Amino acid sequence: MIWRDDPEVWAEGYSQAELDDAQARFGLTFPPDLVELLRERRLRLGYDWRNDDVAIRRMLAWPLEGLLFHVEHEVIWWSEWGPRPSTPGERAEVVGAVVAVASKLIPLYAHRFLAGEPVERGNPVFSIHSTDVVYYGIDLEDYILHEFYEHKPRLSGTPRHIPFWSDLVDWDGLPPEQQSAAS
């Protein structure tokens, strides 16, 4: 990846040991394009994988918390999850299990996340705010170009399908059986 030098956007990168430590600490595996970028440089406005433990843990929990908010306000319940349980704790358990098997999301900046799986180059970047999930980049390079240089989201192709997260994009947060009722 070739990035324009811009001290307002970029800071010094990480050592491989620092990246290994961060991945172990947060239970993540960074895809190769993210590792390559972070070894070379890091987003000045992004999360610091050495020091931002509280913020990173908060963002790792962010997607599930947003889903649970909408589950509790009866905005969303997918038929694939089975019958809607009667208690908040049971609903949280079901949705938590769904998110636990979905691709892990790696926080990049604000509420922008790179799909961590598959562990290969080219995963899309999502903007996630509750059940409002949109593609914010077809891949890491596309995301950075348009978030930090052209200042507008734009996709330059078809993003890789990431089970569950891409379904939220495709279904605008609601499965087909709930879309007509929400209109």
N, C-alpha and C. Protein backbone atom coordinates (compact mmCIF):
# COMPACT_ATOMS: atom_id res chain seq x y z
N MET A 1 0.84 -1.18 0.00
CA MET A 1 0.00 0.00 0.00
C MET A 1 0.88 1.24 0.00
N ILE A 2 0.50 2.18 -0.77
CA ILE A 2 1.25 3.44 -0.82
C ILE A 2 0.32 4.53 -0.30
N TRP A 3 0.75 5.19 0.76
CA TRP A 3 -0.05 6.24 1.37
C TRP A 3 0.70 7.54 1.26
N ARG A 4 -0.02 8.58 1.03
CA ARG A 4 0.59 9.90 1.01
C ARG A 4 1.04 10.25 2.41
N ASP A 5 2.22 10.83 2.52
CA ASP A 5 2.70 11.28 3.82
C ASP A 5 1.90 12.50 4.24
N ASP A 6 1.30 12.41 5.39
CA ASP A 6 0.51 13.52 5.92
C ASP A 6 0.57 13.40 7.44
N PRO A 7 1.34 14.27 8.11
CA PRO A 7 1.50 14.15 9.56
C PRO A 7 0.20 14.36 10.34
N GLU A 8 -0.82 14.93 9.73
CA GLU A 8 -2.10 15.06 10.41
C GLU A 8 -2.86 13.75 10.41
N VAL A 9 -2.55 12.88 9.47
CA VAL A 9 -3.24 11.60 9.33
C VAL A 9 -2.44 10.46 9.98
N TRP A 10 -1.13 10.48 9.81
CA TRP A 10 -0.30 9.34 10.17
C TRP A 10 0.64 9.61 11.34
N ALA A 11 0.88 8.56 12.09
CA ALA A 11 1.89 8.56 13.16
C ALA A 11 2.78 7.34 12.93
N GLU A 12 3.82 7.25 13.72
CA GLU A 12 4.77 6.13 13.62
C GLU A 12 4.04 4.80 13.79
N GLY A 13 4.49 3.81 13.04
CA GLY A 13 3.89 2.48 13.11
C GLY A 13 4.32 1.71 14.34
N TYR A 14 3.91 0.45 14.38
CA TYR A 14 4.18 -0.44 15.50
C TYR A 14 5.26 -1.44 15.14
N SER A 15 5.90 -1.97 16.14
CA SER A 15 6.78 -3.12 15.93
C SER A 15 5.91 -4.37 15.84
N GLN A 16 6.46 -5.43 15.28
CA GLN A 16 5.71 -6.68 15.21
C GLN A 16 5.37 -7.18 16.61
N ALA A 17 6.28 -7.01 17.56
CA ALA A 17 6.02 -7.44 18.94
C ALA A 17 4.83 -6.68 19.52
N GLU A 18 4.73 -5.38 19.24
CA GLU A 18 3.59 -4.60 19.74
C GLU A 18 2.28 -5.09 19.12
N LEU A 19 2.31 -5.41 17.84
CA LEU A 19 1.10 -5.92 17.19
C LEU A 19 0.73 -7.30 17.72
N ASP A 20 1.72 -8.14 17.93
CA ASP A 20 1.45 -9.47 18.49
C ASP A 20 0.83 -9.35 19.88
N ASP A 21 1.36 -8.43 20.69
CA ASP A 21 0.84 -8.20 22.03
C ASP A 21 -0.62 -7.72 21.96
N ALA A 22 -0.89 -6.78 21.08
CA ALA A 22 -2.26 -6.25 20.95
C ALA A 22 -3.23 -7.34 20.53
N GLN A 23 -2.85 -8.14 19.56
CA GLN A 23 -3.73 -9.20 19.10
C GLN A 23 -4.03 -10.21 20.21
N ALA A 24 -2.99 -10.55 20.98
CA ALA A 24 -3.18 -11.48 22.10
C ALA A 24 -4.06 -10.86 23.18
N ARG A 25 -3.81 -9.61 23.51
CA ARG A 25 -4.54 -8.92 24.58
C ARG A 25 -6.04 -8.79 24.26
N PHE A 26 -6.36 -8.58 22.99
CA PHE A 26 -7.76 -8.36 22.63
C PHE A 26 -8.41 -9.57 21.94
N GLY A 27 -7.68 -10.66 21.81
CA GLY A 27 -8.24 -11.86 21.19
C GLY A 27 -8.56 -11.67 19.72
N LEU A 28 -7.72 -10.95 19.01
CA LEU A 28 -7.94 -10.66 17.60
C LEU A 28 -6.81 -11.23 16.76
N THR A 29 -7.09 -11.41 15.48
CA THR A 29 -6.05 -11.72 14.50
C THR A 29 -6.20 -10.68 13.40
N PHE A 30 -5.18 -9.86 13.24
CA PHE A 30 -5.24 -8.82 12.23
C PHE A 30 -4.98 -9.41 10.85
N PRO A 31 -5.80 -9.06 9.85
CA PRO A 31 -5.52 -9.50 8.49
C PRO A 31 -4.19 -8.92 7.99
N PRO A 32 -3.58 -9.56 6.99
CA PRO A 32 -2.25 -9.13 6.53
C PRO A 32 -2.18 -7.68 6.07
N ASP A 33 -3.23 -7.15 5.43
CA ASP A 33 -3.16 -5.76 4.97
C ASP A 33 -3.15 -4.79 6.15
N LEU A 34 -3.84 -5.13 7.23
CA LEU A 34 -3.81 -4.28 8.42
C LEU A 34 -2.44 -4.36 9.10
N VAL A 35 -1.88 -5.56 9.18
CA VAL A 35 -0.54 -5.71 9.77
C VAL A 35 0.47 -4.89 8.97
N GLU A 36 0.41 -5.01 7.65
CA GLU A 36 1.35 -4.26 6.79
C GLU A 36 1.22 -2.76 7.03
N LEU A 37 0.01 -2.27 7.07
CA LEU A 37 -0.21 -0.85 7.31
C LEU A 37 0.32 -0.43 8.68
N LEU A 38 -0.07 -1.18 9.72
CA LEU A 38 0.31 -0.79 11.08
C LEU A 38 1.81 -0.93 11.35
N ARG A 39 2.48 -1.78 10.64
CA ARG A 39 3.94 -1.87 10.78
C ARG A 39 4.58 -0.61 10.20
N GLU A 40 4.01 -0.10 9.13
CA GLU A 40 4.55 1.08 8.45
C GLU A 40 4.13 2.38 9.15
N ARG A 41 2.86 2.47 9.51
CA ARG A 41 2.29 3.68 10.10
C ARG A 41 0.94 3.37 10.71
N ARG A 42 0.49 4.27 11.56
CA ARG A 42 -0.84 4.11 12.16
C ARG A 42 -1.62 5.41 12.01
N LEU A 43 -2.92 5.28 12.01
CA LEU A 43 -3.77 6.47 11.93
C LEU A 43 -3.64 7.27 13.21
N ARG A 44 -3.29 8.51 13.09
CA ARG A 44 -3.14 9.38 14.25
C ARG A 44 -4.46 9.47 15.03
N LEU A 45 -5.57 9.52 14.31
CA LEU A 45 -6.88 9.62 14.96
C LEU A 45 -7.47 8.26 15.34
N GLY A 46 -6.81 7.19 14.92
CA GLY A 46 -7.31 5.86 15.22
C GLY A 46 -6.94 5.42 16.63
N TYR A 47 -7.26 4.20 16.93
CA TYR A 47 -6.97 3.65 18.26
C TYR A 47 -5.50 3.30 18.36
N ASP A 48 -4.90 3.58 19.49
CA ASP A 48 -3.51 3.23 19.74
C ASP A 48 -3.50 1.86 20.41
N TRP A 49 -3.04 0.86 19.69
CA TRP A 49 -3.08 -0.52 20.16
C TRP A 49 -2.13 -0.78 21.31
N ARG A 50 -1.29 0.20 21.65
CA ARG A 50 -0.39 0.06 22.80
C ARG A 50 -1.04 0.60 24.07
N ASN A 51 -1.87 1.65 23.93
CA ASN A 51 -2.30 2.41 25.11
C ASN A 51 -3.80 2.61 25.29
N ASP A 52 -4.60 2.35 24.29
CA ASP A 52 -6.03 2.68 24.35
C ASP A 52 -6.89 1.49 24.75
N ASP A 53 -6.46 0.73 25.74
CA ASP A 53 -7.19 -0.48 26.12
C ASP A 53 -8.66 -0.23 26.42
N VAL A 54 -8.97 0.79 27.20
CA VAL A 54 -10.36 1.06 27.59
C VAL A 54 -11.19 1.40 26.35
N ALA A 55 -10.69 2.28 25.51
CA ALA A 55 -11.43 2.68 24.31
C ALA A 55 -11.59 1.50 23.35
N ILE A 56 -10.56 0.71 23.18
CA ILE A 56 -10.65 -0.43 22.27
C ILE A 56 -11.64 -1.46 22.81
N ARG A 57 -11.59 -1.76 24.09
CA ARG A 57 -12.56 -2.71 24.65
C ARG A 57 -13.99 -2.18 24.53
N ARG A 58 -14.16 -0.89 24.71
CA ARG A 58 -15.49 -0.28 24.54
C ARG A 58 -15.98 -0.47 23.10
N MET A 59 -15.07 -0.26 22.13
CA MET A 59 -15.47 -0.41 20.74
C MET A 59 -15.65 -1.86 20.33
N LEU A 60 -14.91 -2.77 20.93
CA LEU A 60 -15.14 -4.19 20.65
C LEU A 60 -16.54 -4.61 21.10
N ALA A 61 -17.05 -3.99 22.15
CA ALA A 61 -18.39 -4.30 22.66
C ALA A 61 -19.49 -3.52 21.93
N TRP A 62 -19.11 -2.46 21.24
CA TRP A 62 -20.06 -1.53 20.60
C TRP A 62 -21.08 -2.22 19.68
N PRO A 63 -20.67 -3.07 18.72
CA PRO A 63 -21.67 -3.65 17.82
C PRO A 63 -22.73 -4.47 18.55
N LEU A 64 -22.33 -5.30 19.51
CA LEU A 64 -23.29 -6.10 20.26
C LEU A 64 -24.21 -5.20 21.08
N GLU A 65 -23.68 -4.20 21.73
CA GLU A 65 -24.51 -3.30 22.53
C GLU A 65 -25.56 -2.61 21.67
N GLY A 66 -25.18 -2.19 20.47
CA GLY A 66 -26.15 -1.55 19.57
C GLY A 66 -27.25 -2.51 19.14
N LEU A 67 -26.88 -3.74 18.85
CA LEU A 67 -27.88 -4.74 18.48
C LEU A 67 -28.83 -5.00 19.64
N LEU A 68 -28.27 -5.15 20.84
CA LEU A 68 -29.11 -5.43 22.01
C LEU A 68 -30.08 -4.28 22.29
N PHE A 69 -29.63 -3.06 22.07
CA PHE A 69 -30.52 -1.91 22.25
C PHE A 69 -31.76 -2.06 21.35
N HIS A 70 -31.53 -2.41 20.09
CA HIS A 70 -32.65 -2.54 19.16
C HIS A 70 -33.47 -3.80 19.42
N VAL A 71 -32.85 -4.85 19.90
CA VAL A 71 -33.60 -6.04 20.28
C VAL A 71 -34.55 -5.70 21.42
N GLU A 72 -34.06 -4.97 22.40
CA GLU A 72 -34.89 -4.63 23.57
C GLU A 72 -36.01 -3.65 23.25
N HIS A 73 -35.84 -2.87 22.21
CA HIS A 73 -36.89 -1.94 21.80
C HIS A 73 -37.73 -2.51 20.66
N GLU A 74 -37.64 -3.84 20.50
CA GLU A 74 -38.43 -4.61 19.55
C GLU A 74 -38.34 -4.10 18.12
N VAL A 75 -37.19 -3.56 17.77
CA VAL A 75 -36.96 -3.12 16.40
C VAL A 75 -36.47 -4.28 15.56
N ILE A 76 -35.72 -5.20 16.18
CA ILE A 76 -35.11 -6.28 15.43
C ILE A 76 -35.20 -7.59 16.20
N TRP A 77 -35.57 -8.62 15.47
CA TRP A 77 -35.41 -10.01 15.92
C TRP A 77 -35.47 -10.86 14.67
N TRP A 78 -34.38 -11.54 14.34
CA TRP A 78 -34.33 -12.33 13.12
C TRP A 78 -34.90 -13.72 13.38
N SER A 79 -35.69 -14.21 12.44
CA SER A 79 -36.30 -15.54 12.59
C SER A 79 -35.22 -16.63 12.72
N GLU A 80 -34.04 -16.40 12.12
CA GLU A 80 -32.95 -17.38 12.22
C GLU A 80 -32.49 -17.58 13.66
N TRP A 81 -32.81 -16.64 14.53
CA TRP A 81 -32.40 -16.73 15.94
C TRP A 81 -33.36 -17.58 16.76
N GLY A 82 -34.46 -18.02 16.13
CA GLY A 82 -35.45 -18.81 16.84
C GLY A 82 -36.51 -17.92 17.47
N PRO A 83 -37.39 -18.50 18.27
CA PRO A 83 -38.43 -17.70 18.92
C PRO A 83 -37.81 -16.64 19.84
N ARG A 84 -38.42 -15.47 19.87
CA ARG A 84 -37.92 -14.38 20.70
C ARG A 84 -38.14 -14.72 22.17
N PRO A 85 -37.05 -14.85 22.94
CA PRO A 85 -37.20 -15.16 24.37
C PRO A 85 -37.95 -14.05 25.12
N SER A 86 -38.50 -14.41 26.25
CA SER A 86 -39.34 -13.47 27.00
C SER A 86 -38.55 -12.52 27.90
N THR A 87 -37.31 -12.86 28.25
CA THR A 87 -36.57 -11.99 29.16
C THR A 87 -35.37 -11.33 28.47
N PRO A 88 -35.00 -10.14 28.92
CA PRO A 88 -33.84 -9.46 28.34
C PRO A 88 -32.56 -10.29 28.42
N GLY A 89 -32.36 -10.98 29.52
CA GLY A 89 -31.15 -11.80 29.68
C GLY A 89 -31.09 -12.92 28.66
N GLU A 90 -32.23 -13.57 28.42
CA GLU A 90 -32.26 -14.65 27.43
C GLU A 90 -32.05 -14.11 26.03
N ARG A 91 -32.64 -12.95 25.73
CA ARG A 91 -32.45 -12.34 24.41
C ARG A 91 -30.98 -11.96 24.22
N ALA A 92 -30.37 -11.40 25.26
CA ALA A 92 -28.95 -11.03 25.18
C ALA A 92 -28.07 -12.26 24.97
N GLU A 93 -28.44 -13.37 25.58
CA GLU A 93 -27.68 -14.61 25.41
C GLU A 93 -27.74 -15.09 23.96
N VAL A 94 -28.93 -15.05 23.36
CA VAL A 94 -29.08 -15.49 21.97
C VAL A 94 -28.30 -14.58 21.02
N VAL A 95 -28.50 -13.28 21.15
CA VAL A 95 -27.81 -12.33 20.26
C VAL A 95 -26.31 -12.38 20.49
N GLY A 96 -25.89 -12.50 21.73
CA GLY A 96 -24.46 -12.62 22.04
C GLY A 96 -23.84 -13.84 21.38
N ALA A 97 -24.57 -14.94 21.35
CA ALA A 97 -24.07 -16.16 20.70
C ALA A 97 -23.95 -15.97 19.19
N VAL A 98 -24.89 -15.24 18.60
CA VAL A 98 -24.84 -14.95 17.16
C VAL A 98 -23.60 -14.11 16.84
N VAL A 99 -23.39 -13.06 17.61
CA VAL A 99 -22.25 -12.17 17.38
C VAL A 99 -20.93 -12.89 17.66
N ALA A 100 -20.94 -13.78 18.63
CA ALA A 100 -19.71 -14.51 18.99
C ALA A 100 -19.20 -15.38 17.85
N VAL A 101 -20.09 -15.88 16.99
CA VAL A 101 -19.63 -16.71 15.87
C VAL A 101 -19.46 -15.91 14.59
N ALA A 102 -19.88 -14.66 14.59
CA ALA A 102 -19.68 -13.79 13.43
C ALA A 102 -18.21 -13.36 13.38
N SER A 103 -17.80 -12.87 12.23
CA SER A 103 -16.44 -12.35 12.09
C SER A 103 -16.19 -11.29 13.15
N LYS A 104 -15.04 -11.38 13.81
CA LYS A 104 -14.69 -10.34 14.76
C LYS A 104 -14.42 -9.06 14.00
N LEU A 105 -14.77 -7.96 14.63
CA LEU A 105 -14.58 -6.66 14.02
C LEU A 105 -13.44 -5.93 14.72
N ILE A 106 -12.56 -5.33 13.93
CA ILE A 106 -11.38 -4.66 14.47
C ILE A 106 -11.62 -3.15 14.39
N PRO A 107 -11.68 -2.47 15.54
CA PRO A 107 -11.91 -1.03 15.51
C PRO A 107 -10.75 -0.30 14.85
N LEU A 108 -11.08 0.62 13.96
CA LEU A 108 -10.07 1.41 13.27
C LEU A 108 -10.08 2.87 13.72
N TYR A 109 -11.27 3.47 13.67
CA TYR A 109 -11.42 4.89 13.97
C TYR A 109 -12.91 5.13 14.22
N ALA A 110 -13.21 5.84 15.30
CA ALA A 110 -14.61 6.11 15.65
C ALA A 110 -15.38 4.78 15.61
N HIS A 111 -16.49 4.73 14.87
CA HIS A 111 -17.27 3.50 14.79
C HIS A 111 -17.09 2.81 13.43
N ARG A 112 -15.85 2.82 12.96
CA ARG A 112 -15.47 2.13 11.73
C ARG A 112 -14.68 0.87 12.12
N PHE A 113 -15.04 -0.24 11.49
CA PHE A 113 -14.46 -1.54 11.84
C PHE A 113 -14.05 -2.30 10.59
N LEU A 114 -12.87 -2.91 10.65
CA LEU A 114 -12.42 -3.82 9.60
C LEU A 114 -12.86 -5.23 10.00
N ALA A 115 -13.45 -5.96 9.06
CA ALA A 115 -13.77 -7.37 9.33
C ALA A 115 -12.47 -8.13 9.52
N GLY A 116 -12.38 -8.87 10.61
CA GLY A 116 -11.16 -9.61 10.93
C GLY A 116 -11.08 -10.97 10.28
N GLU A 117 -12.19 -11.43 9.73
CA GLU A 117 -12.22 -12.75 9.10
C GLU A 117 -12.94 -12.65 7.77
N PRO A 118 -12.44 -13.33 6.76
CA PRO A 118 -11.30 -14.23 6.80
C PRO A 118 -10.00 -13.46 7.06
N VAL A 119 -9.02 -14.17 7.56
CA VAL A 119 -7.74 -13.53 7.87
C VAL A 119 -6.92 -13.48 6.58
N GLU A 120 -7.36 -12.55 5.73
CA GLU A 120 -6.69 -12.33 4.45
C GLU A 120 -6.95 -10.90 4.00
N ARG A 121 -6.19 -10.46 3.03
CA ARG A 121 -6.34 -9.11 2.50
C ARG A 121 -7.72 -8.92 1.87
N GLY A 122 -8.20 -7.69 1.93
CA GLY A 122 -9.39 -7.36 1.16
C GLY A 122 -10.70 -7.38 1.88
N ASN A 123 -10.70 -7.46 3.20
CA ASN A 123 -11.97 -7.42 3.93
C ASN A 123 -12.53 -6.01 3.92
N PRO A 124 -13.87 -5.89 3.92
CA PRO A 124 -14.47 -4.56 3.92
C PRO A 124 -14.37 -3.88 5.28
N VAL A 125 -14.56 -2.58 5.24
CA VAL A 125 -14.67 -1.77 6.45
C VAL A 125 -16.14 -1.38 6.60
N PHE A 126 -16.66 -1.57 7.80
CA PHE A 126 -18.05 -1.23 8.10
C PHE A 126 -18.10 -0.01 9.01
N SER A 127 -19.12 0.80 8.82
CA SER A 127 -19.49 1.82 9.78
C SER A 127 -20.69 1.24 10.53
N ILE A 128 -20.58 1.16 11.85
CA ILE A 128 -21.63 0.50 12.64
C ILE A 128 -22.12 1.44 13.73
N HIS A 129 -23.40 1.71 13.68
CA HIS A 129 -24.06 2.48 14.73
C HIS A 129 -25.39 1.80 15.00
N SER A 130 -25.45 1.01 16.06
CA SER A 130 -26.60 0.15 16.37
C SER A 130 -26.82 -0.82 15.22
N THR A 131 -28.02 -0.81 14.63
CA THR A 131 -28.27 -1.69 13.49
C THR A 131 -28.09 -0.96 12.17
N ASP A 132 -27.61 0.27 12.23
CA ASP A 132 -27.28 1.02 11.02
C ASP A 132 -25.86 0.62 10.63
N VAL A 133 -25.76 -0.35 9.74
CA VAL A 133 -24.48 -0.89 9.32
C VAL A 133 -24.34 -0.66 7.82
N VAL A 134 -23.27 0.02 7.43
CA VAL A 134 -23.01 0.29 6.02
C VAL A 134 -21.56 -0.03 5.71
N TYR A 135 -21.31 -0.31 4.44
CA TYR A 135 -19.93 -0.45 4.00
C TYR A 135 -19.32 0.95 3.95
N TYR A 136 -18.13 1.09 4.52
CA TYR A 136 -17.44 2.37 4.47
C TYR A 136 -16.17 2.27 3.65
N GLY A 137 -15.89 1.10 3.16
CA GLY A 137 -14.76 0.87 2.26
C GLY A 137 -14.81 -0.55 1.77
N ILE A 138 -14.52 -0.73 0.50
CA ILE A 138 -14.51 -2.08 -0.06
C ILE A 138 -13.40 -2.91 0.59
N ASP A 139 -12.34 -2.22 0.99
CA ASP A 139 -11.23 -2.84 1.71
C ASP A 139 -10.54 -1.74 2.50
N LEU A 140 -9.47 -2.07 3.17
CA LEU A 140 -8.77 -1.12 4.03
C LEU A 140 -8.26 0.08 3.25
N GLU A 141 -7.66 -0.17 2.11
CA GLU A 141 -7.10 0.92 1.30
C GLU A 141 -8.20 1.87 0.82
N ASP A 142 -9.29 1.32 0.32
CA ASP A 142 -10.42 2.14 -0.14
C ASP A 142 -10.96 2.98 1.00
N TYR A 143 -11.11 2.36 2.17
CA TYR A 143 -11.60 3.08 3.34
C TYR A 143 -10.71 4.28 3.69
N ILE A 144 -9.42 4.04 3.81
CA ILE A 144 -8.51 5.12 4.22
C ILE A 144 -8.48 6.23 3.19
N LEU A 145 -8.45 5.87 1.94
CA LEU A 145 -8.43 6.88 0.88
C LEU A 145 -9.63 7.82 1.00
N HIS A 146 -10.79 7.24 1.20
CA HIS A 146 -12.00 8.05 1.19
C HIS A 146 -12.36 8.66 2.53
N GLU A 147 -11.95 8.05 3.62
CA GLU A 147 -12.23 8.64 4.95
C GLU A 147 -11.29 9.80 5.25
N PHE A 148 -10.02 9.63 4.89
CA PHE A 148 -9.02 10.60 5.33
C PHE A 148 -8.48 11.51 4.23
N TYR A 149 -8.71 11.17 2.97
CA TYR A 149 -8.18 12.01 1.90
C TYR A 149 -9.26 12.67 1.07
N GLU A 150 -10.25 11.92 0.67
CA GLU A 150 -11.32 12.50 -0.14
C GLU A 150 -12.52 12.88 0.71
N HIS A 151 -12.53 12.45 1.96
CA HIS A 151 -13.55 12.81 2.95
C HIS A 151 -14.97 12.49 2.52
N LYS A 152 -15.11 11.36 1.90
CA LYS A 152 -16.44 10.86 1.58
C LYS A 152 -16.34 9.36 1.41
N PRO A 153 -17.34 8.61 1.89
CA PRO A 153 -17.30 7.17 1.67
C PRO A 153 -17.61 6.88 0.21
N ARG A 154 -16.91 5.94 -0.34
CA ARG A 154 -17.16 5.54 -1.71
C ARG A 154 -16.64 4.13 -1.90
N LEU A 155 -17.41 3.33 -2.55
CA LEU A 155 -16.97 1.98 -2.84
C LEU A 155 -16.55 1.92 -4.30
N SER A 156 -15.42 1.29 -4.54
CA SER A 156 -14.92 1.20 -5.91
C SER A 156 -15.04 -0.22 -6.46
N GLY A 157 -16.00 -0.96 -5.99
CA GLY A 157 -16.21 -2.34 -6.44
C GLY A 157 -17.20 -3.02 -5.53
N THR A 158 -17.21 -4.33 -5.58
CA THR A 158 -18.12 -5.12 -4.75
C THR A 158 -17.37 -5.61 -3.52
N PRO A 159 -17.85 -5.26 -2.34
CA PRO A 159 -17.16 -5.72 -1.13
C PRO A 159 -17.34 -7.23 -0.93
N ARG A 160 -16.35 -7.83 -0.29
CA ARG A 160 -16.43 -9.24 0.09
C ARG A 160 -17.60 -9.40 1.07
N HIS A 161 -18.37 -10.46 0.88
CA HIS A 161 -19.48 -10.74 1.79
C HIS A 161 -18.93 -11.31 3.09
N ILE A 162 -19.29 -10.68 4.19
CA ILE A 162 -18.91 -11.14 5.52
C ILE A 162 -20.20 -11.59 6.21
N PRO A 163 -20.37 -12.90 6.43
CA PRO A 163 -21.62 -13.37 7.04
C PRO A 163 -21.99 -12.56 8.28
N PHE A 164 -23.26 -12.34 8.43
CA PHE A 164 -23.92 -11.57 9.47
C PHE A 164 -23.75 -10.07 9.26
N TRP A 165 -22.53 -9.55 9.23
CA TRP A 165 -22.34 -8.10 9.11
C TRP A 165 -22.79 -7.61 7.75
N SER A 166 -22.47 -8.32 6.68
CA SER A 166 -22.95 -7.93 5.35
C SER A 166 -24.46 -8.11 5.25
N ASP A 167 -25.00 -9.11 5.96
CA ASP A 167 -26.45 -9.29 5.97
C ASP A 167 -27.13 -8.08 6.61
N LEU A 168 -26.53 -7.54 7.66
CA LEU A 168 -27.09 -6.32 8.27
C LEU A 168 -27.08 -5.17 7.26
N VAL A 169 -26.01 -5.07 6.48
CA VAL A 169 -25.96 -4.04 5.43
C VAL A 169 -27.05 -4.30 4.41
N ASP A 170 -27.10 -5.52 3.88
CA ASP A 170 -28.05 -5.85 2.81
C ASP A 170 -29.50 -5.69 3.26
N TRP A 171 -29.76 -6.02 4.48
CA TRP A 171 -31.12 -5.97 4.99
C TRP A 171 -31.42 -4.68 5.74
N ASP A 172 -30.51 -3.74 5.70
CA ASP A 172 -30.69 -2.47 6.41
C ASP A 172 -31.06 -2.72 7.87
N GLY A 173 -30.42 -3.73 8.47
CA GLY A 173 -30.62 -4.06 9.88
C GLY A 173 -31.77 -4.99 10.14
N LEU A 174 -32.69 -5.11 9.20
CA LEU A 174 -33.86 -5.95 9.41
C LEU A 174 -33.89 -7.08 8.39
N PRO A 175 -34.23 -8.29 8.82
CA PRO A 175 -34.38 -9.38 7.85
C PRO A 175 -35.60 -9.11 6.97
N PRO A 176 -35.67 -9.76 5.81
CA PRO A 176 -36.77 -9.49 4.87
C PRO A 176 -38.16 -9.56 5.48
N GLU A 177 -38.39 -10.51 6.39
CA GLU A 177 -39.74 -10.64 6.95
C GLU A 177 -40.15 -9.45 7.83
N GLN A 178 -39.18 -8.65 8.30
CA GLN A 178 -39.50 -7.49 9.12
C GLN A 178 -39.45 -6.18 8.33
N GLN A 179 -38.94 -6.19 7.12
CA GLN A 179 -38.77 -4.96 6.38
C GLN A 179 -40.09 -4.31 5.99
N SER A 180 -41.07 -5.08 5.54
CA SER A 180 -42.34 -4.49 5.13
C SER A 180 -43.09 -3.93 6.34
N ALA A 181 -42.94 -4.56 7.49
CA ALA A 181 -43.62 -4.07 8.69
C ALA A 181 -43.01 -2.76 9.18
N ALA A 182 -41.73 -2.55 8.90
CA ALA A 182 -41.04 -1.35 9.37
C ALA A 182 -41.30 -0.16 8.46
N SER A 183 -41.79 -0.41 7.24
CA SER A 183 -42.00 0.69 6.27
C SER A 183 -43.20 1.52 6.60
